[in-house]
Amino acid sequence: MTRPAAGTSPQAQNFNWMVERFAQETAGVVAAITVSSDGLLIATSDGMEGGNAERLGAISSAMLSLANGVSECHPIGRPDKIVIELAQGYLIVCTVSVGCALGVLASKQAGLGALAYEMAMFANRAASTLSPQLIEELKHTVAT
């Protein structure tokens, strides 16, 4: 798990714990990351190496940006979940709050409906704890 550096706030430690718990307790999840709206890694679960986590964070942020671009061009609403189906699994991205997104790598055995529900539940819980100040703290103190 990506852990905040020593001296971080209890809120930052709690957020990292929430990401790890989500990944461990949600069926089919291989790994989970959270990124700021500018694509910087905030937290990651076990199973993600530093460079791969940062790359996945940038990809997740870019996917959300592209989906938001579609919603600006076509009046069909803002993106909820973005799903990329791969040969052996999925990458699913959703917004947690204005300044944060959740990216999830899941196996093909994952039930997408159940996973989408769990991601929405995580987003609801996490959004209530995230503030712009906490996001900034996590961006600048996370140690992979």
C-alpha atoms as a PDB file:
ATOM      1  CA  MET A   1       0.000   0.000   0.000  1.00  0.00           C
ATOM      2  CA  THR A   2       1.165   3.527  -0.623  1.00  0.00           C
ATOM      3  CA  ARG A   3       1.542   5.055   2.785  1.00  0.00           C
ATOM      4  CA  PRO A   4       1.668   8.714   3.601  1.00  0.00           C
ATOM      5  CA  ALA A   5       5.027   9.901   4.871  1.00  0.00           C
ATOM      6  CA  ALA A   6       5.654  10.204   8.590  1.00  0.00           C
ATOM      7  CA  GLY A   7       3.940  13.161  10.198  1.00  0.00           C
ATOM      8  CA  THR A   8       0.843  13.118   8.021  1.00  0.00           C
ATOM      9  CA  SER A   9      -2.560  13.879   9.428  1.00  0.00           C
ATOM     10  CA  PRO A  10      -4.894  11.198  10.766  1.00  0.00           C
ATOM     11  CA  GLN A  11      -7.244  12.070   7.875  1.00  0.00           C
ATOM     12  CA  ALA A  12      -4.537  11.172   5.330  1.00  0.00           C
ATOM     13  CA  GLN A  13      -3.804   7.920   7.127  1.00  0.00           C
ATOM     14  CA  ASN A  14      -7.517   7.108   7.237  1.00  0.00           C
ATOM     15  CA  PHE A  15      -7.934   7.767   3.513  1.00  0.00           C
ATOM     16  CA  ASN A  16      -5.065   5.406   2.676  1.00  0.00           C
ATOM     17  CA  TRP A  17      -6.642   2.780   4.905  1.00  0.00           C
ATOM     18  CA  MET A  18      -9.976   3.213   3.087  1.00  0.00           C
ATOM     19  CA  VAL A  19      -8.354   2.595  -0.324  1.00  0.00           C
ATOM     20  CA  GLU A  20      -6.557  -0.514   0.931  1.00  0.00           C
ATOM     21  CA  ARG A  21      -9.696  -1.845   2.592  1.00  0.00           C
ATOM     22  CA  PHE A  22     -11.725  -1.284  -0.579  1.00  0.00           C
ATOM     23  CA  ALA A  23      -9.206  -3.303  -2.612  1.00  0.00           C
ATOM     24  CA  GLN A  24      -8.988  -6.122  -0.083  1.00  0.00           C
ATOM     25  CA  GLU A  25     -12.696  -6.495   0.600  1.00  0.00           C
ATOM     26  CA  THR A  26     -14.230  -5.980  -2.847  1.00  0.00           C
ATOM     27  CA  ALA A  27     -14.620  -9.179  -4.856  1.00  0.00           C
ATOM     28  CA  GLY A  28     -12.605  -9.253  -8.070  1.00  0.00           C
ATOM     29  CA  VAL A  29     -10.470  -6.195  -7.311  1.00  0.00           C
ATOM     30  CA  VAL A  30      -6.797  -6.696  -8.099  1.00  0.00           C
ATOM     31  CA  ALA A  31      -5.659  -3.179  -7.154  1.00  0.00           C
ATOM     32  CA  ALA A  32      -7.061   0.299  -6.554  1.00  0.00           C
ATOM     33  CA  ILE A  33      -5.606   3.779  -6.834  1.00  0.00           C
ATOM     34  CA  THR A  34      -6.820   7.279  -6.251  1.00  0.00           C
ATOM     35  CA  VAL A  35      -5.545  10.263  -8.170  1.00  0.00           C
ATOM     36  CA  SER A  36      -6.030  13.987  -7.989  1.00  0.00           C
ATOM     37  CA  SER A  37      -7.775  15.757 -10.854  1.00  0.00           C
ATOM     38  CA  ASP A  38      -4.357  16.677 -12.247  1.00  0.00           C
ATOM     39  CA  GLY A  39      -3.341  12.999 -12.417  1.00  0.00           C
ATOM     40  CA  LEU A  40      -1.076  12.843  -9.379  1.00  0.00           C
ATOM     41  CA  LEU A  41      -1.200   9.717  -7.265  1.00  0.00           C
ATOM     42  CA  ILE A  42      -2.912  10.139  -3.900  1.00  0.00           C
ATOM     43  CA  ALA A  43      -3.076   6.545  -2.617  1.00  0.00           C
ATOM     44  CA  THR A  44      -2.799   2.980  -3.837  1.00  0.00           C
ATOM     45  CA  SER A  45      -3.547  -0.467  -2.531  1.00  0.00           C
ATOM     46  CA  ASP A  46      -1.124  -3.337  -2.224  1.00  0.00           C
ATOM     47  CA  GLY A  47      -0.360  -4.924  -5.565  1.00  0.00           C
ATOM     48  CA  MET A  48       0.748  -1.747  -7.316  1.00  0.00           C
ATOM     49  CA  GLU A  49       4.418  -0.942  -7.786  1.00  0.00           C
ATOM     50  CA  GLY A  50       5.372   2.758  -7.598  1.00  0.00           C
ATOM     51  CA  GLY A  51       5.976   3.361 -11.327  1.00  0.00           C
ATOM     52  CA  ASN A  52       2.989   1.296 -12.412  1.00  0.00           C
ATOM     53  CA  ALA A  53       0.756   3.047  -9.889  1.00  0.00           C
ATOM     54  CA  GLU A  54       1.806   6.456 -11.174  1.00  0.00           C
ATOM     55  CA  ARG A  55       1.257   5.369 -14.775  1.00  0.00           C
ATOM     56  CA  LEU A  56      -2.177   3.970 -13.953  1.00  0.00           C
ATOM     57  CA  GLY A  57      -2.994   7.224 -12.160  1.00  0.00           C
ATOM     58  CA  ALA A  58      -2.132   9.247 -15.249  1.00  0.00           C
ATOM     59  CA  ILE A  59      -4.159   6.887 -17.461  1.00  0.00           C
ATOM     60  CA  SER A  60      -7.154   7.039 -15.121  1.00  0.00           C
ATOM     61  CA  SER A  61      -7.066  10.822 -15.017  1.00  0.00           C
ATOM     62  CA  ALA A  62      -6.793  11.002 -18.809  1.00  0.00           C
ATOM     63  CA  MET A  63      -9.748   8.622 -19.250  1.00  0.00           C
ATOM     64  CA  LEU A  64     -11.897  10.754 -16.985  1.00  0.00           C
ATOM     65  CA  SER A  65     -10.842  13.882 -18.842  1.00  0.00           C
ATOM     66  CA  LEU A  66     -11.802  12.329 -22.194  1.00  0.00           C
ATOM     67  CA  ALA A  67     -15.164  11.220 -20.825  1.00  0.00           C
ATOM     68  CA  ASN A  68     -15.799  14.731 -19.506  1.00  0.00           C
ATOM     69  CA  GLY A  69     -14.970  16.021 -22.993  1.00  0.00           C
ATOM     70  CA  VAL A  70     -17.708  13.827 -24.442  1.00  0.00           C
ATOM     71  CA  SER A  71     -20.189  15.189 -21.916  1.00  0.00           C
ATOM     72  CA  GLU A  72     -19.291  18.752 -22.898  1.00  0.00           C
ATOM     73  CA  CYS A  73     -19.847  18.051 -26.608  1.00  0.00           C
ATOM     74  CA  HIS A  74     -22.984  15.944 -26.288  1.00  0.00           C
ATOM     75  CA  PRO A  75     -25.827  16.611 -23.850  1.00  0.00           C
ATOM     76  CA  ILE A  76     -26.040  13.073 -22.459  1.00  0.00           C
ATOM     77  CA  GLY A  77     -24.761  13.812 -18.963  1.00  0.00           C
ATOM     78  CA  ARG A  78     -21.548  13.646 -17.001  1.00  0.00           C
ATOM     79  CA  PRO A  79     -19.570  10.402 -16.866  1.00  0.00           C
ATOM     80  CA  ASP A  80     -20.380   7.984 -14.073  1.00  0.00           C
ATOM     81  CA  LYS A  81     -18.023   5.055 -14.634  1.00  0.00           C
ATOM     82  CA  ILE A  82     -15.545   4.534 -17.448  1.00  0.00           C
ATOM     83  CA  VAL A  83     -14.858   0.872 -18.217  1.00  0.00           C
ATOM     84  CA  ILE A  84     -12.063  -0.532 -20.348  1.00  0.00           C
ATOM     85  CA  GLU A  85     -12.361  -4.246 -20.988  1.00  0.00           C
ATOM     86  CA  LEU A  86      -9.034  -5.992 -21.424  1.00  0.00           C
ATOM     87  CA  ALA A  87      -8.328  -9.622 -22.316  1.00  0.00           C
ATOM     88  CA  GLN A  88      -7.940 -10.669 -18.672  1.00  0.00           C
ATOM     89  CA  GLY A  89      -9.713  -7.972 -16.726  1.00  0.00           C
ATOM     90  CA  TYR A  90     -11.059  -4.455 -16.500  1.00  0.00           C
ATOM     91  CA  LEU A  91      -9.942  -0.939 -15.681  1.00  0.00           C
ATOM     92  CA  ILE A  92     -12.809   1.059 -14.203  1.00  0.00           C
ATOM     93  CA  VAL A  93     -12.564   4.738 -13.277  1.00  0.00           C
ATOM     94  CA  CYS A  94     -15.050   6.901 -11.411  1.00  0.00           C
ATOM     95  CA  THR A  95     -15.062  10.327  -9.823  1.00  0.00           C
ATOM     96  CA  VAL A  96     -14.849  10.378  -6.043  1.00  0.00           C
ATOM     97  CA  SER A  97     -15.051  14.139  -5.553  1.00  0.00           C
ATOM     98  CA  VAL A  98     -14.335  17.263  -7.558  1.00  0.00           C
ATOM     99  CA  GLY A  99     -10.598  16.793  -7.056  1.00  0.00           C
ATOM    100  CA  CYS A 100     -10.219  13.000  -6.934  1.00  0.00           C
ATOM    101  CA  ALA A 101     -10.879   9.850  -8.974  1.00  0.00           C
ATOM    102  CA  LEU A 102     -10.772   6.132  -8.165  1.00  0.00           C
ATOM    103  CA  GLY A 103      -9.159   3.709 -10.608  1.00  0.00           C
ATOM    104  CA  VAL A 104      -9.728  -0.019 -10.146  1.00  0.00           C
ATOM    105  CA  LEU A 105      -8.083  -2.988 -11.817  1.00  0.00           C
ATOM    106  CA  ALA A 106     -10.394  -5.997 -11.641  1.00  0.00           C
ATOM    107  CA  SER A 107     -10.296  -9.574 -12.844  1.00  0.00           C
ATOM    108  CA  LYS A 108     -12.670 -10.932 -15.498  1.00  0.00           C
ATOM    109  CA  GLN A 109     -14.418 -12.827 -12.691  1.00  0.00           C
ATOM    110  CA  ALA A 110     -15.529  -9.551 -11.112  1.00  0.00           C
ATOM    111  CA  GLY A 111     -19.216  -8.825 -11.358  1.00  0.00           C
ATOM    112  CA  LEU A 112     -19.315  -5.397 -12.985  1.00  0.00           C
ATOM    113  CA  GLY A 113     -22.652  -4.450 -11.434  1.00  0.00           C
ATOM    114  CA  ALA A 114     -21.500  -5.330  -7.922  1.00  0.00           C
ATOM    115  CA  LEU A 115     -18.150  -3.629  -8.506  1.00  0.00           C
ATOM    116  CA  ALA A 116     -19.836  -0.448  -9.772  1.00  0.00           C
ATOM    117  CA  TYR A 117     -22.007  -0.442  -6.655  1.00  0.00           C
ATOM    118  CA  GLU A 118     -18.989  -0.865  -4.350  1.00  0.00           C
ATOM    119  CA  MET A 119     -17.153   1.915  -6.172  1.00  0.00           C
ATOM    120  CA  ALA A 120     -20.141   4.224  -5.704  1.00  0.00           C
ATOM    121  CA  MET A 121     -20.264   3.352  -2.003  1.00  0.00           C
ATOM    122  CA  PHE A 122     -16.525   4.040  -1.683  1.00  0.00           C
ATOM    123  CA  ALA A 123     -16.932   7.359  -3.494  1.00  0.00           C
ATOM    124  CA  ASN A 124     -19.760   8.401  -1.143  1.00  0.00           C
ATOM    125  CA  ARG A 125     -17.715   7.554   1.968  1.00  0.00           C
ATOM    126  CA  ALA A 126     -14.475   9.046   0.646  1.00  0.00           C
ATOM    127  CA  ALA A 127     -16.047  12.252  -0.671  1.00  0.00           C
ATOM    128  CA  SER A 128     -17.214  13.140   2.812  1.00  0.00           C
ATOM    129  CA  THR A 129     -13.631  12.931   4.113  1.00  0.00           C
ATOM    130  CA  LEU A 130     -11.831  14.586   1.201  1.00  0.00           C
ATOM    131  CA  SER A 131     -11.189  18.279   1.212  1.00  0.00           C
ATOM    132  CA  PRO A 132      -8.989  20.240  -1.186  1.00  0.00           C
ATOM    133  CA  GLN A 133      -6.486  20.575   1.664  1.00  0.00           C
ATOM    134  CA  LEU A 134      -6.390  16.807   2.281  1.00  0.00           C
ATOM    135  CA  ILE A 135      -5.946  16.115  -1.434  1.00  0.00           C
ATOM    136  CA  GLU A 136      -2.996  18.521  -1.502  1.00  0.00           C
ATOM    137  CA  GLU A 137      -1.500  16.882   1.575  1.00  0.00           C
ATOM    138  CA  LEU A 138      -1.834  13.420   0.058  1.00  0.00           C
ATOM    139  CA  LYS A 139      -0.326  14.547  -3.260  1.00  0.00           C
ATOM    140  CA  HIS A 140       2.723  15.963  -1.548  1.00  0.00           C
ATOM    141  CA  THR A 141       3.297  13.399   1.175  1.00  0.00           C
ATOM    142  CA  VAL A 142       2.503  10.042  -0.385  1.00  0.00           C
ATOM    143  CA  ALA A 143       5.543   7.748  -0.389  1.00  0.00           C
ATOM    144  CA  THR A 144       5.545   4.765  -2.722  1.00  0.00           C
END
